[in-house]
PDB file of N, CA and C in Angstrom:
ATOM      1  N   MET A   1       0.542  -1.619  40.601  1.00  0.00           N
ATOM      2  CA  MET A   1       0.795  -1.947  39.230  1.00  0.00           C
ATOM      3  C   MET A   1      -0.201  -1.271  38.301  1.00  0.00           C
ATOM      4  N   LEU A   2      -0.636  -0.099  38.685  1.00  0.00           N
ATOM      5  CA  LEU A   2      -1.580   0.665  37.879  1.00  0.00           C
ATOM      6  C   LEU A   2      -1.015   0.974  36.500  1.00  0.00           C
ATOM      7  N   GLN A   3       0.273   1.252  36.422  1.00  0.00           N
ATOM      8  CA  GLN A   3       0.887   1.588  35.143  1.00  0.00           C
ATOM      9  C   GLN A   3       0.798   0.421  34.166  1.00  0.00           C
ATOM     10  N   ALA A   4       0.951  -0.790  34.676  1.00  0.00           N
ATOM     11  CA  ALA A   4       0.856  -1.965  33.806  1.00  0.00           C
ATOM     12  C   ALA A   4      -0.552  -2.107  33.252  1.00  0.00           C
ATOM     13  N   HIS A   5      -1.556  -1.851  34.079  1.00  0.00           N
ATOM     14  CA  HIS A   5      -2.928  -1.932  33.598  1.00  0.00           C
ATOM     15  C   HIS A   5      -3.222  -0.832  32.590  1.00  0.00           C
ATOM     16  N   LEU A   6      -2.725   0.358  32.850  1.00  0.00           N
ATOM     17  CA  LEU A   6      -2.897   1.447  31.883  1.00  0.00           C
ATOM     18  C   LEU A   6      -2.227   1.118  30.559  1.00  0.00           C
ATOM     19  N   ALA A   7      -1.091   0.457  30.624  1.00  0.00           N
ATOM     20  CA  ALA A   7      -0.392   0.061  29.402  1.00  0.00           C
ATOM     21  C   ALA A   7      -1.232  -0.916  28.595  1.00  0.00           C
ATOM     22  N   LEU A   8      -1.862  -1.864  29.266  1.00  0.00           N
ATOM     23  CA  LEU A   8      -2.691  -2.828  28.550  1.00  0.00           C
ATOM     24  C   LEU A   8      -3.924  -2.175  27.952  1.00  0.00           C
ATOM     25  N   TYR A   9      -4.526  -1.242  28.657  1.00  0.00           N
ATOM     26  CA  TYR A   9      -5.668  -0.518  28.105  1.00  0.00           C
ATOM     27  C   TYR A   9      -5.250   0.326  26.908  1.00  0.00           C
ATOM     28  N   SER A  10      -4.112   0.980  26.998  1.00  0.00           N
ATOM     29  CA  SER A  10      -3.609   1.766  25.878  1.00  0.00           C
ATOM     30  C   SER A  10      -3.329   0.881  24.675  1.00  0.00           C
ATOM     31  N   PHE A  11      -2.751  -0.278  24.932  1.00  0.00           N
ATOM     32  CA  PHE A  11      -2.461  -1.227  23.868  1.00  0.00           C
ATOM     33  C   PHE A  11      -3.747  -1.684  23.181  1.00  0.00           C
ATOM     34  N   ALA A  12      -4.772  -1.976  23.965  1.00  0.00           N
ATOM     35  CA  ALA A  12      -6.050  -2.425  23.412  1.00  0.00           C
ATOM     36  C   ALA A  12      -6.718  -1.341  22.583  1.00  0.00           C
ATOM     37  N   ASN A  13      -6.436  -0.086  22.886  1.00  0.00           N
ATOM     38  CA  ASN A  13      -7.013   1.033  22.141  1.00  0.00           C
ATOM     39  C   ASN A  13      -6.144   1.486  20.981  1.00  0.00           C
ATOM     40  N   GLY A  14      -5.094   0.743  20.691  1.00  0.00           N
ATOM     41  CA  GLY A  14      -4.256   1.055  19.543  1.00  0.00           C
ATOM     42  C   GLY A  14      -3.185   2.089  19.803  1.00  0.00           C
ATOM     43  N   GLN A  15      -2.979   2.469  21.031  1.00  0.00           N
ATOM     44  CA  GLN A  15      -1.953   3.446  21.369  1.00  0.00           C
ATOM     45  C   GLN A  15      -0.681   2.700  21.761  1.00  0.00           C
ATOM     46  N   ILE A  16      -0.014   2.164  20.744  1.00  0.00           N
ATOM     47  CA  ILE A  16       1.116   1.273  20.973  1.00  0.00           C
ATOM     48  C   ILE A  16       2.278   2.002  21.640  1.00  0.00           C
ATOM     49  N   SER A  17       2.612   3.174  21.151  1.00  0.00           N
ATOM     50  CA  SER A  17       3.741   3.921  21.699  1.00  0.00           C
ATOM     51  C   SER A  17       3.513   4.257  23.175  1.00  0.00           C
ATOM     52  N   ALA A  18       2.326   4.735  23.481  1.00  0.00           N
ATOM     53  CA  ALA A  18       2.008   5.069  24.876  1.00  0.00           C
ATOM     54  C   ALA A  18       2.032   3.828  25.758  1.00  0.00           C
ATOM     55  N   SER A  19       1.548   2.712  25.228  1.00  0.00           N
ATOM     56  CA  SER A  19       1.523   1.498  26.038  1.00  0.00           C
ATOM     57  C   SER A  19       2.935   0.995  26.321  1.00  0.00           C
ATOM     58  N   LEU A  20       3.839   1.116  25.368  1.00  0.00           N
ATOM     59  CA  LEU A  20       5.226   0.705  25.613  1.00  0.00           C
ATOM     60  C   LEU A  20       5.884   1.585  26.671  1.00  0.00           C
ATOM     61  N   LYS A  21       5.648   2.884  26.599  1.00  0.00           N
ATOM     62  CA  LYS A  21       6.217   3.788  27.599  1.00  0.00           C
ATOM     63  C   LYS A  21       5.697   3.456  28.993  1.00  0.00           C
ATOM     64  N   LEU A  22       4.396   3.211  29.096  1.00  0.00           N
ATOM     65  CA  LEU A  22       3.816   2.876  30.399  1.00  0.00           C
ATOM     66  C   LEU A  22       4.323   1.537  30.914  1.00  0.00           C
ATOM     67  N   MET A  23       4.487   0.556  30.021  1.00  0.00           N
ATOM     68  CA  MET A  23       4.956  -0.745  30.459  1.00  0.00           C
ATOM     69  C   MET A  23       6.403  -0.687  30.933  1.00  0.00           C
ATOM     70  N   TYR A  24       7.241   0.048  30.203  1.00  0.00           N
ATOM     71  CA  TYR A  24       8.625   0.187  30.647  1.00  0.00           C
ATOM     72  C   TYR A  24       8.705   0.943  31.976  1.00  0.00           C
ATOM     73  N   ARG A  25       7.827   1.925  32.169  1.00  0.00           N
ATOM     74  CA  ARG A  25       7.796   2.649  33.439  1.00  0.00           C
ATOM     75  C   ARG A  25       7.350   1.733  34.574  1.00  0.00           C
ATOM     76  N   ALA A  26       6.352   0.895  34.309  1.00  0.00           N
ATOM     77  CA  ALA A  26       5.900  -0.060  35.324  1.00  0.00           C
ATOM     78  C   ALA A  26       7.001  -1.054  35.670  1.00  0.00           C
ATOM     79  N   LEU A  27       7.728  -1.495  34.668  1.00  0.00           N
ATOM     80  CA  LEU A  27       8.833  -2.417  34.917  1.00  0.00           C
ATOM     81  C   LEU A  27       9.918  -1.746  35.750  1.00  0.00           C
ATOM     82  N   TYR A  28      10.237  -0.510  35.446  1.00  0.00           N
ATOM     83  CA  TYR A  28      11.250   0.230  36.204  1.00  0.00           C
ATOM     84  C   TYR A  28      10.837   0.379  37.669  1.00  0.00           C
ATOM     85  N   LEU A  29       9.577   0.751  37.884  1.00  0.00           N
ATOM     86  CA  LEU A  29       9.098   0.910  39.262  1.00  0.00           C
ATOM     87  C   LEU A  29       9.087  -0.419  40.006  1.00  0.00           C
ATOM     88  N   ALA A  30       8.706  -1.492  39.327  1.00  0.00           N
ATOM     89  CA  ALA A  30       8.712  -2.802  39.968  1.00  0.00           C
ATOM     90  C   ALA A  30      10.134  -3.230  40.323  1.00  0.00           C
ATOM     91  N   LEU A  31      11.085  -2.932  39.449  1.00  0.00           N
ATOM     92  CA  LEU A  31      12.482  -3.251  39.752  1.00  0.00           C
ATOM     93  C   LEU A  31      12.983  -2.468  40.957  1.00  0.00           C
ATOM     94  N   LEU A  32      12.601  -1.200  41.046  1.00  0.00           N
ATOM     95  CA  LEU A  32      13.008  -0.389  42.188  1.00  0.00           C
ATOM     96  C   LEU A  32      12.411  -0.907  43.495  1.00  0.00           C
ATOM     97  N   CYS A  33      11.159  -1.313  43.444  1.00  0.00           N
ATOM     98  CA  CYS A  33      10.461  -1.723  44.668  1.00  0.00           C
ATOM     99  C   CYS A  33      10.827  -3.123  45.134  1.00  0.00           C
ATOM    100  N   SER A  34      10.949  -4.048  44.204  1.00  0.00           N
ATOM    101  CA  SER A  34      11.080  -5.443  44.630  1.00  0.00           C
ATOM    102  C   SER A  34      12.365  -6.128  44.195  1.00  0.00           C
ATOM    103  N   GLY A  35      13.153  -5.518  43.349  1.00  0.00           N
ATOM    104  CA  GLY A  35      14.387  -6.142  42.895  1.00  0.00           C
ATOM    105  C   GLY A  35      14.163  -7.063  41.712  1.00  0.00           C
ATOM    106  N   ASP A  36      15.269  -7.471  41.111  1.00  0.00           N
ATOM    107  CA  ASP A  36      15.147  -8.234  39.877  1.00  0.00           C
ATOM    108  C   ASP A  36      14.873  -9.722  40.076  1.00  0.00           C
ATOM    109  N   SER A  37      14.853 -10.196  41.303  1.00  0.00           N
ATOM    110  CA  SER A  37      14.589 -11.616  41.539  1.00  0.00           C
ATOM    111  C   SER A  37      13.135 -11.899  41.920  1.00  0.00           C
ATOM    112  N   HIS A  38      12.297 -10.888  41.917  1.00  0.00           N
ATOM    113  CA  HIS A  38      10.892 -11.064  42.272  1.00  0.00           C
ATOM    114  C   HIS A  38      10.137 -11.713  41.104  1.00  0.00           C
ATOM    115  N   PRO A  39       9.187 -12.606  41.388  1.00  0.00           N
ATOM    116  CA  PRO A  39       8.454 -13.288  40.306  1.00  0.00           C
ATOM    117  C   PRO A  39       7.664 -12.351  39.387  1.00  0.00           C
ATOM    118  N   ASP A  40       7.210 -11.221  39.904  1.00  0.00           N
ATOM    119  CA  ASP A  40       6.468 -10.294  39.053  1.00  0.00           C
ATOM    120  C   ASP A  40       7.326  -9.724  37.930  1.00  0.00           C
ATOM    121  N   ILE A  41       8.610  -9.613  38.151  1.00  0.00           N
ATOM    122  CA  ILE A  41       9.504  -9.096  37.112  1.00  0.00           C
ATOM    123  C   ILE A  41       9.515 -10.053  35.925  1.00  0.00           C
ATOM    124  N   ALA A  42       9.552 -11.334  36.189  1.00  0.00           N
ATOM    125  CA  ALA A  42       9.494 -12.323  35.108  1.00  0.00           C
ATOM    126  C   ALA A  42       8.171 -12.227  34.361  1.00  0.00           C
ATOM    127  N   LEU A  43       7.097 -11.953  35.086  1.00  0.00           N
ATOM    128  CA  LEU A  43       5.794 -11.796  34.450  1.00  0.00           C
ATOM    129  C   LEU A  43       5.811 -10.644  33.457  1.00  0.00           C
ATOM    130  N   TYR A  44       6.414  -9.519  33.845  1.00  0.00           N
ATOM    131  CA  TYR A  44       6.507  -8.385  32.931  1.00  0.00           C
ATOM    132  C   TYR A  44       7.278  -8.756  31.673  1.00  0.00           C
ATOM    133  N   TYR A  45       8.428  -9.351  31.864  1.00  0.00           N
ATOM    134  CA  TYR A  45       9.261  -9.675  30.716  1.00  0.00           C
ATOM    135  C   TYR A  45       8.598 -10.685  29.789  1.00  0.00           C
ATOM    136  N   VAL A  46       8.092 -11.740  30.344  1.00  0.00           N
ATOM    137  CA  VAL A  46       7.608 -12.845  29.522  1.00  0.00           C
ATOM    138  C   VAL A  46       6.272 -12.534  28.872  1.00  0.00           C
ATOM    139  N   SER A  47       5.308 -12.091  29.630  1.00  0.00           N
ATOM    140  CA  SER A  47       3.970 -11.980  29.070  1.00  0.00           C
ATOM    141  C   SER A  47       3.652 -10.619  28.465  1.00  0.00           C
ATOM    142  N   MET A  48       4.000  -9.559  29.136  1.00  0.00           N
ATOM    143  CA  MET A  48       3.554  -8.248  28.691  1.00  0.00           C
ATOM    144  C   MET A  48       4.499  -7.584  27.704  1.00  0.00           C
ATOM    145  N   LEU A  49       5.725  -7.389  28.096  1.00  0.00           N
ATOM    146  CA  LEU A  49       6.663  -6.688  27.225  1.00  0.00           C
ATOM    147  C   LEU A  49       6.894  -7.431  25.919  1.00  0.00           C
ATOM    148  N   ARG A  50       7.036  -8.741  25.991  1.00  0.00           N
ATOM    149  CA  ARG A  50       7.280  -9.506  24.779  1.00  0.00           C
ATOM    150  C   ARG A  50       6.123  -9.350  23.800  1.00  0.00           C
ATOM    151  N   SER A  51       4.906  -9.378  24.302  1.00  0.00           N
ATOM    152  CA  SER A  51       3.738  -9.237  23.437  1.00  0.00           C
ATOM    153  C   SER A  51       3.691  -7.863  22.795  1.00  0.00           C
ATOM    154  N   LEU A  52       3.932  -6.827  23.578  1.00  0.00           N
ATOM    155  CA  LEU A  52       3.887  -5.474  23.041  1.00  0.00           C
ATOM    156  C   LEU A  52       4.979  -5.242  22.004  1.00  0.00           C
ATOM    157  N   VAL A  53       6.181  -5.678  22.305  1.00  0.00           N
ATOM    158  CA  VAL A  53       7.289  -5.478  21.379  1.00  0.00           C
ATOM    159  C   VAL A  53       7.081  -6.290  20.106  1.00  0.00           C
ATOM    160  N   TYR A  54       6.516  -7.481  20.217  1.00  0.00           N
ATOM    161  CA  TYR A  54       6.247  -8.292  19.036  1.00  0.00           C
ATOM    162  C   TYR A  54       5.286  -7.569  18.102  1.00  0.00           C
ATOM    163  N   VAL A  55       4.225  -7.020  18.658  1.00  0.00           N
ATOM    164  CA  VAL A  55       3.241  -6.321  17.830  1.00  0.00           C
ATOM    165  C   VAL A  55       3.866  -5.110  17.157  1.00  0.00           C
ATOM    166  N   VAL A  56       4.665  -4.367  17.890  1.00  0.00           N
ATOM    167  CA  VAL A  56       5.277  -3.170  17.323  1.00  0.00           C
ATOM    168  C   VAL A  56       6.223  -3.529  16.180  1.00  0.00           C
ATOM    169  N   THR A  57       6.942  -4.611  16.303  1.00  0.00           N
ATOM    170  CA  THR A  57       7.944  -4.951  15.298  1.00  0.00           C
ATOM    171  C   THR A  57       7.419  -5.818  14.156  1.00  0.00           C
ATOM    172  N   HIS A  58       6.268  -6.483  14.329  1.00  0.00           N
ATOM    173  CA  HIS A  58       5.801  -7.415  13.306  1.00  0.00           C
ATOM    174  C   HIS A  58       4.486  -7.063  12.645  1.00  0.00           C
ATOM    175  N   VAL A  59       3.775  -6.093  13.119  1.00  0.00           N
ATOM    176  CA  VAL A  59       2.513  -5.736  12.508  1.00  0.00           C
ATOM    177  C   VAL A  59       2.752  -4.661  11.457  1.00  0.00           C
ATOM    178  N   ASP A  60       2.234  -4.905  10.269  1.00  0.00           N
ATOM    179  CA  ASP A  60       2.466  -3.965   9.173  1.00  0.00           C
ATOM    180  C   ASP A  60       1.316  -3.001   8.962  1.00  0.00           C
ATOM    181  N   GLY A  61       0.338  -3.027   9.850  1.00  0.00           N
ATOM    182  CA  GLY A  61      -0.786  -2.102   9.747  1.00  0.00           C
ATOM    183  C   GLY A  61      -1.983  -2.689   9.037  1.00  0.00           C
ATOM    184  N   SER A  62      -1.878  -3.872   8.490  1.00  0.00           N
ATOM    185  CA  SER A  62      -3.015  -4.463   7.802  1.00  0.00           C
ATOM    186  C   SER A  62      -3.928  -5.157   8.802  1.00  0.00           C
ATOM    187  N   CYS A  63      -5.187  -5.216   8.468  1.00  0.00           N
ATOM    188  CA  CYS A  63      -6.181  -5.851   9.340  1.00  0.00           C
ATOM    189  C   CYS A  63      -6.605  -7.167   8.718  1.00  0.00           C
ATOM    190  N   GLY A  64      -6.001  -8.208   9.146  1.00  0.00           N
ATOM    191  CA  GLY A  64      -6.432  -9.515   8.661  1.00  0.00           C
ATOM    192  C   GLY A  64      -5.420 -10.172   7.764  1.00  0.00           C
ATOM    193  N   GLY A  65      -5.661 -11.445   7.554  1.00  0.00           N
ATOM    194  CA  GLY A  65      -4.890 -12.400   6.894  1.00  0.00           C
ATOM    195  C   GLY A  65      -3.959 -12.130   5.873  1.00  0.00           C
TER     196      GLY A  65
END
Protein backbone atom coordinates (compact mmCIF):
# COMPACT_ATOMS: atom_id res chain seq x y z
CA MET A 1 0.00 0.00 0.00
CA LEU A 2 2.90 2.31 -0.72
CA GLN A 3 0.79 4.31 -3.16
CA ALA A 4 -1.73 5.12 -0.44
CA HIS A 5 1.03 6.42 1.82
CA LEU A 6 2.50 8.48 -1.00
CA ALA A 7 -0.95 9.93 -1.62
CA LEU A 8 -1.24 11.02 2.00
CA TYR A 9 2.21 12.61 1.95
CA SER A 10 1.36 14.42 -1.28
CA PHE A 11 -1.89 15.60 0.23
CA ALA A 12 -0.10 16.92 3.33
CA ASN A 13 2.29 18.85 1.08
CA GLY A 14 -0.53 20.52 -0.81
CA GLN A 15 -0.24 18.44 -3.96
CA ILE A 16 -3.94 17.64 -4.14
CA SER A 17 -4.07 16.54 -7.77
CA ALA A 18 -1.12 14.18 -7.38
CA SER A 19 -2.54 12.75 -4.18
CA LEU A 20 -5.89 11.98 -5.83
CA LYS A 21 -4.16 10.21 -8.72
CA LEU A 22 -2.07 8.13 -6.32
CA MET A 23 -5.06 7.27 -4.15
CA TYR A 24 -7.16 6.15 -7.10
CA ARG A 25 -4.21 4.07 -8.33
CA ALA A 26 -3.85 2.47 -4.89
CA LEU A 27 -7.56 1.70 -4.84
CA TYR A 28 -7.36 0.13 -8.31
CA LEU A 29 -4.42 -2.06 -7.30
CA ALA A 30 -6.14 -3.10 -4.08
CA LEU A 31 -9.26 -4.05 -6.03
CA LEU A 32 -7.19 -6.14 -8.43
CA CYS A 33 -5.34 -7.93 -5.63
CA SER A 34 -8.03 -8.55 -3.07
CA GLY A 35 -11.43 -7.96 -4.66
CA ASP A 36 -14.18 -5.59 -3.70
CA SER A 37 -15.28 -7.44 -0.56
CA HIS A 38 -11.99 -7.00 1.30
CA PRO A 39 -12.12 -4.72 4.39
CA ASP A 40 -9.25 -2.56 3.14
CA ILE A 41 -11.37 -1.45 0.20
CA ALA A 42 -13.91 0.04 2.60
CA LEU A 43 -11.06 1.80 4.38
CA TYR A 44 -10.02 3.48 1.14
CA TYR A 45 -13.51 4.61 0.31
CA VAL A 46 -14.55 5.81 3.73
CA SER A 47 -11.48 7.41 5.22
CA MET A 48 -9.06 8.37 2.50
CA LEU A 49 -10.88 9.07 -0.74
CA ARG A 50 -13.77 10.84 0.93
CA SER A 51 -11.40 13.17 2.76
CA LEU A 52 -9.39 14.00 -0.33
CA VAL A 53 -12.42 14.59 -2.52
CA TYR A 54 -14.05 16.74 0.16
CA VAL A 55 -11.02 19.01 0.33
CA VAL A 56 -10.80 19.32 -3.44
CA THR A 57 -14.46 20.23 -3.80
CA HIS A 58 -14.96 22.42 -0.71
CA VAL A 59 -11.77 24.35 -0.10
CA ASP A 60 -11.70 27.75 -1.72
CA GLY A 61 -8.01 28.39 -1.18
CA SER A 62 -8.37 30.58 1.90
CA CYS A 63 -6.39 29.85 5.04
CA GLY A 64 -8.60 30.09 8.03
CA GLY A 65 -12.01 30.94 9.24
